[in-house]
Amino acid sequence: VERGVAMVFQSYALYPHMTVEENIGFGLKIAKIPKSIRKKKVIEVAKILRLESFLSRKPKTLSGGQRQRVAIGRAIIKKPKIFLFDEPLSNLDAELRVQMRLEIARLHKELSATIIYVTHDQVEAMTLADRIVVLRDGIVEQLGKPTDLYQKPKNIFVAGFIGSPKMNFVKCKLIKVNQGVAEIISEQLTNNILHVKINEVNSKELIPQSEFTMGFRPENIVLDQKGPINCKVIVVEKLGNISYLYAEIKGGGTITLEQPKLTNIKPKETISFFPNPDYLYLFNTNGKRM
């Protein structure tokens, strides 16, 4: 309480012998807050988290989502300046994760407190964060708004981590740069020339015949029989509002292509497409975005 910091653990860390009311108010009890004030504050927090009808229950009688709300309530009641969330949704099933994401987003707006939220789930990061810090081996790879990390990844690690399904990567070779457009060839995709618009670049590194990695997201393509890229579909995922095509490329790899709504394309069909030149990315041999 005195430090102004509250922690929400991955494993809930609730006291099994205490009721929900006692768990939520335990921090105030340790701080020797009078019982009457504690009870009033617990009821206030229970209303925020919709736990009023569970106050007399023990944790073992609660669902995973309810236990997590109790853990969050124990943190909220201290009215901290900073919340520390350590992968709080990783033990929940898919439906509860979505529900609790909404709860946490709502609480963030209501409490107007800083939340430092650790997660390996990039969907959680994209939907909950105002700013994201992408860490790898203790090193900050990139810091910024979710949209900036999605649209302007600094390197191939961030580009592959942010986005679901992740960005496609293929090897390519630079032919030349002409008026802000790089002409490249990728043997993994096609021997036709592809064009990449260059907006931010260190021109010294764009040497003809240099090898790079080209990246494009599944949604940034247009299926067209005249498209320069041909590939064979191996798996089709139809999710109702969207479909994903998984196609073979040379060298044994696969790429993912997104199509709105349901698609009539079937496995073993050969398709052609145009990648959107505005959303093609080039990465050098060190993984830095060109």
Protein backbone atom coordinates (compact mmCIF):
# COMPACT_ATOMS: atom_id res chain seq x y z
CA VAL A 1 0.00 0.00 0.00
CA GLU A 2 2.76 2.42 1.00
CA ARG A 3 4.71 1.81 -2.23
CA GLY A 4 1.71 2.52 -4.45
CA VAL A 5 2.28 -0.70 -6.41
CA ALA A 6 -0.02 -3.72 -6.72
CA MET A 7 0.77 -7.08 -8.32
CA VAL A 8 -1.59 -9.48 -10.11
CA PHE A 9 -0.01 -12.92 -10.48
CA GLN A 10 -0.37 -15.49 -13.25
CA SER A 11 -1.45 -18.17 -10.76
CA TYR A 12 -4.00 -15.92 -8.94
CA ALA A 13 -2.21 -16.60 -5.60
CA LEU A 14 -5.45 -16.51 -3.60
CA TYR A 15 -5.63 -17.75 -0.01
CA PRO A 16 -7.74 -20.96 -0.23
CA HIS A 17 -8.96 -20.81 3.39
CA MET A 18 -10.30 -17.26 3.02
CA THR A 19 -13.53 -16.08 1.44
CA VAL A 20 -13.58 -13.76 -1.57
CA GLU A 21 -14.28 -10.84 0.77
CA GLU A 22 -11.31 -11.74 2.98
CA ASN A 23 -8.99 -12.23 0.00
CA ILE A 24 -9.86 -8.85 -1.50
CA GLY A 25 -9.51 -7.03 1.82
CA PHE A 26 -6.40 -8.85 3.05
CA GLY A 27 -3.96 -6.11 2.01
CA LEU A 28 -5.93 -3.51 3.94
CA LYS A 29 -6.07 -5.82 6.97
CA ILE A 30 -2.27 -6.10 6.96
CA ALA A 31 -2.13 -2.31 6.72
CA LYS A 32 -4.35 -2.25 9.86
CA ILE A 33 -7.24 -0.43 8.21
CA PRO A 34 -10.35 -0.59 10.46
CA LYS A 35 -12.77 -3.42 9.67
CA SER A 36 -15.73 -1.12 8.90
CA ILE A 37 -13.70 0.82 6.32
CA ARG A 38 -12.33 -2.43 4.86
CA LYS A 39 -15.80 -3.85 4.37
CA LYS A 40 -17.01 -0.69 2.64
CA LYS A 41 -14.04 -0.69 0.26
CA VAL A 42 -14.43 -4.42 -0.50
CA ILE A 43 -18.08 -3.87 -1.49
CA GLU A 44 -17.07 -0.97 -3.76
CA VAL A 45 -14.46 -3.12 -5.50
CA ALA A 46 -16.83 -6.10 -5.75
CA LYS A 47 -19.34 -3.90 -7.59
CA ILE A 48 -16.70 -2.79 -10.09
CA LEU A 49 -15.74 -6.44 -10.75
CA ARG A 50 -19.29 -7.82 -10.51
CA LEU A 51 -18.40 -10.07 -7.57
CA GLU A 52 -21.07 -8.94 -5.08
CA SER A 53 -22.80 -12.34 -5.04
CA PHE A 54 -19.53 -14.26 -4.50
CA LEU A 55 -18.15 -12.47 -1.41
CA SER A 56 -18.91 -15.34 1.00
CA ARG A 57 -17.48 -18.06 -1.27
CA LYS A 58 -14.08 -19.75 -1.10
CA PRO A 59 -11.77 -19.68 -4.17
CA LYS A 60 -12.23 -23.42 -4.86
CA THR A 61 -15.92 -22.79 -5.72
CA LEU A 62 -15.09 -20.13 -8.34
CA SER A 63 -14.34 -20.39 -12.05
CA GLY A 64 -10.98 -19.33 -13.48
CA GLY A 65 -12.33 -15.97 -14.61
CA GLN A 66 -13.91 -15.29 -11.22
CA ARG A 67 -10.67 -16.14 -9.41
CA GLN A 68 -8.77 -13.79 -11.66
CA ARG A 69 -11.24 -11.02 -10.91
CA VAL A 70 -10.73 -11.63 -7.18
CA ALA A 71 -6.96 -11.33 -7.70
CA ILE A 72 -7.48 -8.08 -9.59
CA GLY A 73 -9.84 -6.88 -6.85
CA ARG A 74 -7.16 -7.50 -4.22
CA ALA A 75 -4.90 -5.19 -6.25
CA ILE A 76 -7.54 -2.53 -6.98
CA ILE A 77 -8.57 -2.06 -3.35
CA LYS A 78 -5.14 -0.64 -2.51
CA LYS A 79 -5.69 2.16 -5.06
CA PRO A 80 -2.12 1.90 -6.31
CA LYS A 81 -0.43 4.27 -8.74
CA ILE A 82 0.91 1.32 -10.75
CA PHE A 83 -0.47 -2.16 -11.44
CA LEU A 84 1.90 -5.00 -12.36
CA PHE A 85 0.14 -7.78 -14.31
CA ASP A 86 2.18 -10.96 -14.85
CA GLU A 87 0.45 -12.90 -17.67
CA PRO A 88 -2.87 -12.81 -15.78
CA LEU A 89 -4.90 -14.54 -18.52
CA SER A 90 -2.57 -17.39 -19.49
CA ASN A 91 -4.41 -19.97 -17.33
CA LEU A 92 -7.84 -19.19 -18.78
CA ASP A 93 -9.63 -20.82 -21.70
CA ALA A 94 -10.15 -18.93 -24.97
CA GLU A 95 -13.63 -17.57 -24.18
CA LEU A 96 -12.63 -16.36 -20.73
CA ARG A 97 -9.49 -14.72 -22.10
CA VAL A 98 -11.61 -12.56 -24.42
CA GLN A 99 -14.00 -11.69 -21.59
CA MET A 100 -11.21 -10.78 -19.18
CA ARG A 101 -9.42 -8.70 -21.82
CA LEU A 102 -12.56 -6.58 -22.05
CA GLU A 103 -12.77 -6.37 -18.24
CA ILE A 104 -9.15 -5.22 -17.94
CA ALA A 105 -9.58 -2.66 -20.73
CA ARG A 106 -12.68 -1.30 -18.98
CA LEU A 107 -10.93 -1.14 -15.62
CA HIS A 108 -7.96 0.66 -17.13
CA LYS A 109 -10.24 3.46 -18.33
CA GLU A 110 -12.22 3.61 -15.07
CA LEU A 111 -9.21 3.59 -12.73
CA SER A 112 -6.95 5.86 -14.82
CA ALA A 113 -3.91 4.08 -13.38
CA THR A 114 -0.75 2.91 -15.09
CA ILE A 115 -0.72 -0.81 -15.87
CA ILE A 116 2.49 -2.65 -16.76
CA TYR A 117 1.25 -5.84 -18.40
CA VAL A 118 3.56 -8.77 -19.22
CA THR A 119 2.32 -11.16 -21.89
CA HIS A 120 3.55 -13.54 -24.59
CA ASP A 121 0.22 -13.19 -26.41
CA GLN A 122 0.57 -10.50 -29.07
CA VAL A 123 -3.24 -10.26 -29.40
CA GLU A 124 -3.44 -9.19 -25.75
CA ALA A 125 -0.65 -6.69 -26.32
CA MET A 126 -2.27 -5.20 -29.43
CA THR A 127 -5.75 -4.91 -27.92
CA LEU A 128 -4.87 -3.70 -24.41
CA ALA A 129 -1.78 -1.55 -24.74
CA ASP A 130 -1.34 2.16 -25.34
CA ARG A 131 2.36 1.46 -25.81
CA ILE A 132 4.18 -1.84 -26.31
CA VAL A 133 7.75 -2.73 -25.39
CA VAL A 134 8.93 -5.79 -27.34
CA LEU A 135 11.69 -7.58 -25.39
CA ARG A 136 13.97 -10.38 -26.55
CA ASP A 137 16.66 -11.84 -24.30
CA GLY A 138 16.44 -8.77 -22.08
CA ILE A 139 16.97 -6.33 -24.97
CA VAL A 140 14.32 -3.83 -26.11
CA GLU A 141 13.71 -4.55 -29.79
CA GLN A 142 11.11 -1.79 -30.26
CA LEU A 143 8.90 0.54 -28.24
CA GLY A 144 5.83 2.30 -29.61
CA LYS A 145 2.10 2.33 -30.23
CA PRO A 146 0.54 -0.99 -31.32
CA THR A 147 -0.22 0.39 -34.81
CA ASP A 148 3.38 1.61 -35.22
CA LEU A 149 4.78 -1.81 -34.34
CA TYR A 150 2.35 -3.44 -36.76
CA GLN A 151 2.89 -1.07 -39.67
CA LYS A 152 6.51 -0.01 -39.09
CA PRO A 153 8.42 -2.86 -37.42
CA LYS A 154 12.08 -1.98 -36.91
CA ASN A 155 13.33 -5.50 -37.52
CA ILE A 156 12.33 -8.96 -38.64
CA PHE A 157 11.75 -10.20 -35.08
CA VAL A 158 9.11 -7.55 -34.33
CA ALA A 159 7.56 -8.00 -37.79
CA GLY A 160 7.17 -11.73 -37.18
CA PHE A 161 5.96 -11.41 -33.59
CA ILE A 162 3.28 -8.73 -34.07
CA GLY A 163 0.36 -9.92 -36.17
CA SER A 164 -1.73 -13.09 -36.34
CA PRO A 165 -1.17 -14.92 -38.62
CA LYS A 166 2.37 -13.63 -38.70
CA MET A 167 4.06 -11.86 -41.59
CA ASN A 168 5.31 -13.96 -44.52
CA PHE A 169 9.07 -13.93 -45.16
CA VAL A 170 10.89 -14.97 -48.35
CA LYS A 171 14.44 -14.58 -49.62
CA CYS A 172 14.96 -12.09 -52.45
CA LYS A 173 17.62 -10.30 -54.47
CA LEU A 174 17.74 -6.60 -55.32
CA ILE A 175 17.98 -5.65 -59.00
CA LYS A 176 17.99 -1.87 -58.75
CA VAL A 177 16.36 1.16 -57.11
CA ASN A 178 14.60 3.64 -59.36
CA GLN A 179 12.79 6.77 -58.13
CA GLY A 180 11.92 5.40 -54.70
CA VAL A 181 10.96 1.93 -55.94
CA ALA A 182 13.14 -1.13 -55.45
CA GLU A 183 12.93 -3.85 -58.09
CA ILE A 184 13.49 -7.30 -56.64
CA ILE A 185 13.30 -10.96 -57.58
CA SER A 186 12.45 -13.83 -55.25
CA GLU A 187 13.20 -17.32 -56.54
CA GLN A 188 11.05 -18.74 -53.75
CA LEU A 189 7.98 -17.02 -55.22
CA THR A 190 8.56 -16.20 -58.87
CA ASN A 191 11.14 -15.06 -61.39
CA ASN A 192 9.00 -12.04 -62.23
CA ILE A 193 10.08 -8.61 -61.03
CA LEU A 194 8.35 -7.33 -57.88
CA HIS A 195 8.28 -3.68 -56.79
CA VAL A 196 8.76 -2.38 -53.27
CA LYS A 197 8.17 1.28 -52.39
CA ILE A 198 11.11 2.66 -50.43
CA ASN A 199 10.11 5.28 -47.85
CA GLU A 200 12.76 4.93 -45.14
CA VAL A 201 16.11 3.64 -46.30
CA ASN A 202 19.86 3.74 -45.93
CA SER A 203 20.70 3.91 -49.64
CA LYS A 204 24.27 2.69 -49.06
CA GLU A 205 22.91 -0.75 -48.19
CA LEU A 206 20.74 -1.02 -51.32
CA ILE A 207 23.41 -2.46 -53.56
CA PRO A 208 22.29 -4.29 -56.75
CA GLN A 209 22.51 -8.08 -56.44
CA SER A 210 22.43 -7.82 -52.62
CA GLU A 211 20.30 -10.39 -50.83
CA PHE A 212 17.49 -9.42 -48.49
CA THR A 213 14.43 -10.90 -46.82
CA MET A 214 11.10 -9.63 -48.12
CA GLY A 215 8.07 -9.57 -45.84
CA PHE A 216 4.36 -9.11 -46.52
CA ARG A 217 1.32 -9.67 -44.34
CA PRO A 218 -1.40 -12.19 -45.30
CA GLU A 219 -4.02 -9.46 -45.79
CA ASN A 220 -1.88 -7.29 -48.09
CA ILE A 221 -2.41 -9.29 -51.28
CA VAL A 222 -4.91 -9.37 -54.14
CA LEU A 223 -5.77 -12.65 -55.89
CA ASP A 224 -5.57 -12.16 -59.66
CA GLN A 225 -4.93 -14.58 -62.52
CA LYS A 226 -2.49 -12.03 -63.96
CA GLY A 227 -0.60 -11.76 -60.68
CA PRO A 228 3.20 -12.21 -60.81
CA ILE A 229 3.27 -14.79 -58.01
CA ASN A 230 1.99 -18.35 -58.49
CA CYS A 231 1.75 -20.96 -55.73
CA LYS A 232 -0.13 -24.14 -54.87
CA VAL A 233 -2.60 -24.14 -51.97
CA ILE A 234 -2.07 -26.97 -49.46
CA VAL A 235 -4.55 -26.09 -46.67
CA VAL A 236 -7.64 -23.85 -46.52
CA GLU A 237 -9.01 -22.60 -43.18
CA LYS A 238 -12.57 -21.26 -43.43
CA LEU A 239 -13.45 -19.27 -40.32
CA GLY A 240 -16.76 -17.89 -41.58
CA ASN A 241 -15.97 -14.18 -41.74
CA ILE A 242 -12.50 -14.83 -43.13
CA SER A 243 -10.45 -17.54 -44.83
CA TYR A 244 -6.73 -18.36 -44.71
CA LEU A 245 -4.91 -20.05 -47.57
CA TYR A 246 -1.64 -21.82 -46.79
CA ALA A 247 0.44 -22.23 -49.95
CA GLU A 248 3.74 -23.91 -50.82
CA ILE A 249 6.78 -21.95 -51.99
CA LYS A 250 10.09 -23.19 -53.33
CA GLY A 251 12.49 -24.55 -50.77
CA GLY A 252 9.79 -26.29 -48.73
CA GLY A 253 8.37 -23.22 -47.01
CA THR A 254 4.79 -21.96 -46.79
CA ILE A 255 3.09 -18.57 -46.96
CA THR A 256 -0.28 -17.50 -45.57
CA LEU A 257 -2.79 -15.52 -47.62
CA GLU A 258 -5.94 -13.96 -46.21
CA GLN A 259 -9.26 -13.72 -48.01
CA PRO A 260 -12.41 -11.96 -46.77
CA LYS A 261 -15.41 -14.18 -46.01
CA LEU A 262 -15.61 -17.76 -47.31
CA THR A 263 -13.59 -18.84 -50.32
CA ASN A 264 -14.24 -21.47 -53.00
CA ILE A 265 -10.51 -22.19 -53.40
CA LYS A 266 -9.59 -25.76 -52.53
CA PRO A 267 -6.34 -27.53 -51.61
CA LYS A 268 -4.05 -28.45 -54.55
CA GLU A 269 -5.32 -25.49 -56.60
CA THR A 270 -2.73 -23.11 -58.09
CA ILE A 271 -3.42 -19.44 -57.43
CA SER A 272 -1.85 -16.16 -58.55
CA PHE A 273 -1.70 -12.89 -56.65
CA PHE A 274 -0.32 -9.35 -56.45
CA PRO A 275 1.37 -8.24 -53.22
CA ASN A 276 0.51 -4.64 -52.30
CA PRO A 277 3.73 -2.63 -52.99
CA ASP A 278 2.80 -0.14 -50.24
CA TYR A 279 3.03 -2.92 -47.64
CA LEU A 280 6.09 -4.88 -48.73
CA TYR A 281 9.03 -4.82 -46.34
CA LEU A 282 12.74 -5.40 -46.95
CA PHE A 283 15.06 -6.61 -44.17
CA ASN A 284 18.84 -6.79 -44.45
CA THR A 285 20.97 -9.79 -43.44
CA ASN A 286 21.05 -8.47 -39.84
CA GLY A 287 17.24 -8.42 -39.72
CA LYS A 288 16.95 -4.61 -39.77
CA ARG A 289 14.05 -3.17 -41.78
CA MET A 290 15.12 -1.21 -44.82
